Amino acid sequence: MGYVLRVRFASFFAGAAVTSAFGLYLLRDDYKAAHQSISQQMNGLYESLDGRLSALEKLKEVEAAKQMEPTE
């Protein structure tokens, strides 16, 4: 009876180890996908912000150039 119990425990723990390894693999893939998605969203926001800042800087340069022109 003791031998059968040890075999059952060994089988149970081997199955638990394999299942845990597979679960960690799936979690790692899920984490990588979420990280990539957030990274793409942030890159889009940075590009949008850079475009807006460039437009404001150009507008400010045009206004400064108009003020520098002599008025008659």
N, C-alpha and C. Protein backbone atom coordinates (compact mmCIF):
# COMPACT_ATOMS: atom_id res chain seq x y z
N MET A 1 0.81 -1.19 0.00
CA MET A 1 0.00 0.00 0.00
C MET A 1 0.86 1.26 0.00
N GLY A 2 1.99 1.25 0.67
CA GLY A 2 2.86 2.41 0.73
C GLY A 2 3.48 2.75 -0.61
N TYR A 3 3.81 1.71 -1.39
CA TYR A 3 4.40 1.93 -2.71
C TYR A 3 3.41 2.61 -3.65
N VAL A 4 2.17 2.17 -3.64
CA VAL A 4 1.13 2.75 -4.51
C VAL A 4 0.89 4.21 -4.13
N LEU A 5 0.90 4.49 -2.85
CA LEU A 5 0.70 5.87 -2.40
C LEU A 5 1.85 6.76 -2.86
N ARG A 6 3.09 6.28 -2.78
CA ARG A 6 4.23 7.06 -3.25
C ARG A 6 4.16 7.30 -4.75
N VAL A 7 3.74 6.31 -5.50
CA VAL A 7 3.60 6.47 -6.95
C VAL A 7 2.53 7.50 -7.27
N ARG A 8 1.43 7.46 -6.55
CA ARG A 8 0.36 8.43 -6.78
C ARG A 8 0.82 9.85 -6.44
N PHE A 9 1.52 10.01 -5.32
CA PHE A 9 2.06 11.33 -4.97
C PHE A 9 3.05 11.82 -6.02
N ALA A 10 3.93 10.95 -6.47
CA ALA A 10 4.91 11.33 -7.49
C ALA A 10 4.20 11.75 -8.77
N SER A 11 3.19 11.01 -9.18
CA SER A 11 2.43 11.35 -10.39
C SER A 11 1.71 12.68 -10.21
N PHE A 12 1.12 12.88 -9.05
CA PHE A 12 0.42 14.13 -8.79
C PHE A 12 1.37 15.32 -8.86
N PHE A 13 2.51 15.22 -8.19
CA PHE A 13 3.45 16.34 -8.17
C PHE A 13 4.10 16.57 -9.54
N ALA A 14 4.32 15.50 -10.30
CA ALA A 14 4.85 15.67 -11.65
C ALA A 14 3.83 16.40 -12.52
N GLY A 15 2.57 16.01 -12.40
CA GLY A 15 1.51 16.69 -13.16
C GLY A 15 1.37 18.14 -12.74
N ALA A 16 1.46 18.40 -11.44
CA ALA A 16 1.36 19.78 -10.96
C ALA A 16 2.52 20.62 -11.47
N ALA A 17 3.72 20.04 -11.53
CA ALA A 17 4.88 20.77 -12.03
C ALA A 17 4.74 21.09 -13.52
N VAL A 18 4.28 20.13 -14.29
CA VAL A 18 4.10 20.36 -15.73
C VAL A 18 3.01 21.41 -15.96
N THR A 19 1.93 21.32 -15.23
CA THR A 19 0.85 22.29 -15.38
C THR A 19 1.30 23.69 -14.96
N SER A 20 2.08 23.79 -13.91
CA SER A 20 2.59 25.09 -13.47
C SER A 20 3.52 25.69 -14.52
N ALA A 21 4.38 24.87 -15.09
CA ALA A 21 5.29 25.37 -16.13
C ALA A 21 4.50 25.86 -17.34
N PHE A 22 3.49 25.12 -17.74
CA PHE A 22 2.67 25.54 -18.88
C PHE A 22 1.92 26.83 -18.56
N GLY A 23 1.39 26.93 -17.34
CA GLY A 23 0.69 28.15 -16.93
C GLY A 23 1.61 29.36 -16.92
N LEU A 24 2.83 29.19 -16.43
CA LEU A 24 3.79 30.30 -16.44
C LEU A 24 4.16 30.71 -17.86
N TYR A 25 4.26 29.74 -18.75
CA TYR A 25 4.54 30.04 -20.15
C TYR A 25 3.42 30.88 -20.76
N LEU A 26 2.17 30.50 -20.48
CA LEU A 26 1.03 31.27 -20.99
C LEU A 26 0.99 32.67 -20.39
N LEU A 27 1.29 32.79 -19.11
CA LEU A 27 1.32 34.12 -18.48
C LEU A 27 2.41 35.00 -19.08
N ARG A 28 3.55 34.40 -19.38
CA ARG A 28 4.65 35.16 -19.98
C ARG A 28 4.23 35.69 -21.35
N ASP A 29 3.58 34.85 -22.16
CA ASP A 29 3.11 35.30 -23.46
C ASP A 29 2.07 36.40 -23.33
N ASP A 30 1.17 36.26 -22.38
CA ASP A 30 0.14 37.28 -22.15
C ASP A 30 0.78 38.60 -21.72
N TYR A 31 1.77 38.51 -20.85
CA TYR A 31 2.48 39.72 -20.38
C TYR A 31 3.18 40.41 -21.55
N LYS A 32 3.84 39.63 -22.41
CA LYS A 32 4.54 40.21 -23.56
C LYS A 32 3.57 40.91 -24.50
N ALA A 33 2.41 40.29 -24.75
CA ALA A 33 1.41 40.88 -25.64
C ALA A 33 0.86 42.17 -25.05
N ALA A 34 0.58 42.18 -23.75
CA ALA A 34 0.07 43.39 -23.10
C ALA A 34 1.11 44.50 -23.12
N HIS A 35 2.37 44.15 -22.89
CA HIS A 35 3.44 45.14 -22.89
C HIS A 35 3.61 45.74 -24.28
N GLN A 36 3.54 44.92 -25.31
CA GLN A 36 3.66 45.41 -26.68
C GLN A 36 2.50 46.33 -27.03
N SER A 37 1.30 45.97 -26.62
CA SER A 37 0.12 46.79 -26.91
C SER A 37 0.23 48.17 -26.25
N ILE A 38 0.61 48.18 -24.98
CA ILE A 38 0.75 49.45 -24.27
C ILE A 38 1.87 50.28 -24.88
N SER A 39 2.96 49.62 -25.27
CA SER A 39 4.08 50.32 -25.88
C SER A 39 3.66 50.99 -27.19
N GLN A 40 2.88 50.29 -28.01
CA GLN A 40 2.39 50.87 -29.26
C GLN A 40 1.47 52.06 -29.00
N GLN A 41 0.62 51.95 -28.01
CA GLN A 41 -0.28 53.06 -27.68
C GLN A 41 0.52 54.28 -27.23
N MET A 42 1.53 54.06 -26.41
CA MET A 42 2.33 55.18 -25.92
C MET A 42 3.13 55.82 -27.06
N ASN A 43 3.65 55.01 -27.99
CA ASN A 43 4.37 55.57 -29.13
C ASN A 43 3.44 56.42 -29.97
N GLY A 44 2.20 55.99 -30.15
CA GLY A 44 1.23 56.79 -30.88
C GLY A 44 0.95 58.11 -30.19
N LEU A 45 0.84 58.09 -28.87
CA LEU A 45 0.61 59.33 -28.12
C LEU A 45 1.80 60.28 -28.24
N TYR A 46 3.02 59.72 -28.14
CA TYR A 46 4.22 60.57 -28.26
C TYR A 46 4.32 61.19 -29.64
N GLU A 47 4.01 60.42 -30.69
CA GLU A 47 4.07 60.96 -32.04
C GLU A 47 3.03 62.07 -32.22
N SER A 48 1.84 61.86 -31.69
CA SER A 48 0.79 62.87 -31.77
C SER A 48 1.21 64.14 -31.04
N LEU A 49 1.77 63.97 -29.86
CA LEU A 49 2.21 65.12 -29.08
C LEU A 49 3.35 65.86 -29.79
N ASP A 50 4.30 65.11 -30.37
CA ASP A 50 5.39 65.76 -31.10
C ASP A 50 4.86 66.56 -32.28
N GLY A 51 3.86 66.03 -32.98
CA GLY A 51 3.26 66.76 -34.10
C GLY A 51 2.61 68.05 -33.65
N ARG A 52 1.90 67.98 -32.54
CA ARG A 52 1.24 69.19 -32.03
C ARG A 52 2.26 70.24 -31.57
N LEU A 53 3.32 69.77 -30.91
CA LEU A 53 4.35 70.71 -30.46
C LEU A 53 5.06 71.35 -31.65
N SER A 54 5.33 70.58 -32.68
CA SER A 54 5.96 71.14 -33.88
C SER A 54 5.06 72.20 -34.52
N ALA A 55 3.76 71.94 -34.58
CA ALA A 55 2.83 72.90 -35.16
C ALA A 55 2.80 74.18 -34.33
N LEU A 56 2.81 74.04 -33.01
CA LEU A 56 2.82 75.24 -32.15
C LEU A 56 4.12 76.03 -32.29
N GLU A 57 5.24 75.33 -32.39
CA GLU A 57 6.52 76.02 -32.56
C GLU A 57 6.57 76.77 -33.89
N LYS A 58 6.04 76.16 -34.96
CA LYS A 58 6.01 76.85 -36.26
C LYS A 58 5.12 78.07 -36.19
N LEU A 59 3.98 77.95 -35.51
CA LEU A 59 3.06 79.07 -35.36
C LEU A 59 3.73 80.21 -34.60
N LYS A 60 4.47 79.86 -33.57
CA LYS A 60 5.16 80.87 -32.78
C LYS A 60 6.25 81.55 -33.60
N GLU A 61 6.96 80.78 -34.44
CA GLU A 61 7.98 81.36 -35.30
C GLU A 61 7.37 82.33 -36.31
N VAL A 62 6.22 81.98 -36.87
CA VAL A 62 5.54 82.86 -37.83
C VAL A 62 5.10 84.14 -37.14
N GLU A 63 4.56 84.02 -35.94
CA GLU A 63 4.13 85.22 -35.21
C GLU A 63 5.32 86.09 -34.84
N ALA A 64 6.44 85.48 -34.48
CA ALA A 64 7.63 86.26 -34.15
C ALA A 64 8.17 86.96 -35.39
N ALA A 65 8.11 86.30 -36.53
CA ALA A 65 8.58 86.91 -37.77
C ALA A 65 7.70 88.09 -38.15
N LYS A 66 6.40 87.97 -37.93
CA LYS A 66 5.49 89.08 -38.24
C LYS A 66 5.76 90.28 -37.33
N GLN A 67 6.10 90.04 -36.10
CA GLN A 67 6.38 91.14 -35.17
C GLN A 67 7.71 91.81 -35.49
N MET A 68 8.64 91.09 -36.08
CA MET A 68 9.96 91.64 -36.40
C MET A 68 9.90 92.51 -37.66
N GLU A 69 8.90 92.33 -38.52
CA GLU A 69 8.79 93.12 -39.74
C GLU A 69 8.50 94.58 -39.38
N PRO A 70 9.17 95.46 -40.08
CA PRO A 70 8.91 96.89 -39.81
C PRO A 70 7.54 97.29 -40.35
N THR A 71 6.83 98.05 -39.57
CA THR A 71 5.52 98.53 -40.01
C THR A 71 5.66 99.96 -40.48
N GLU A 72 5.02 100.26 -41.58
CA GLU A 72 5.12 101.62 -42.13
C GLU A 72 3.85 102.36 -41.99
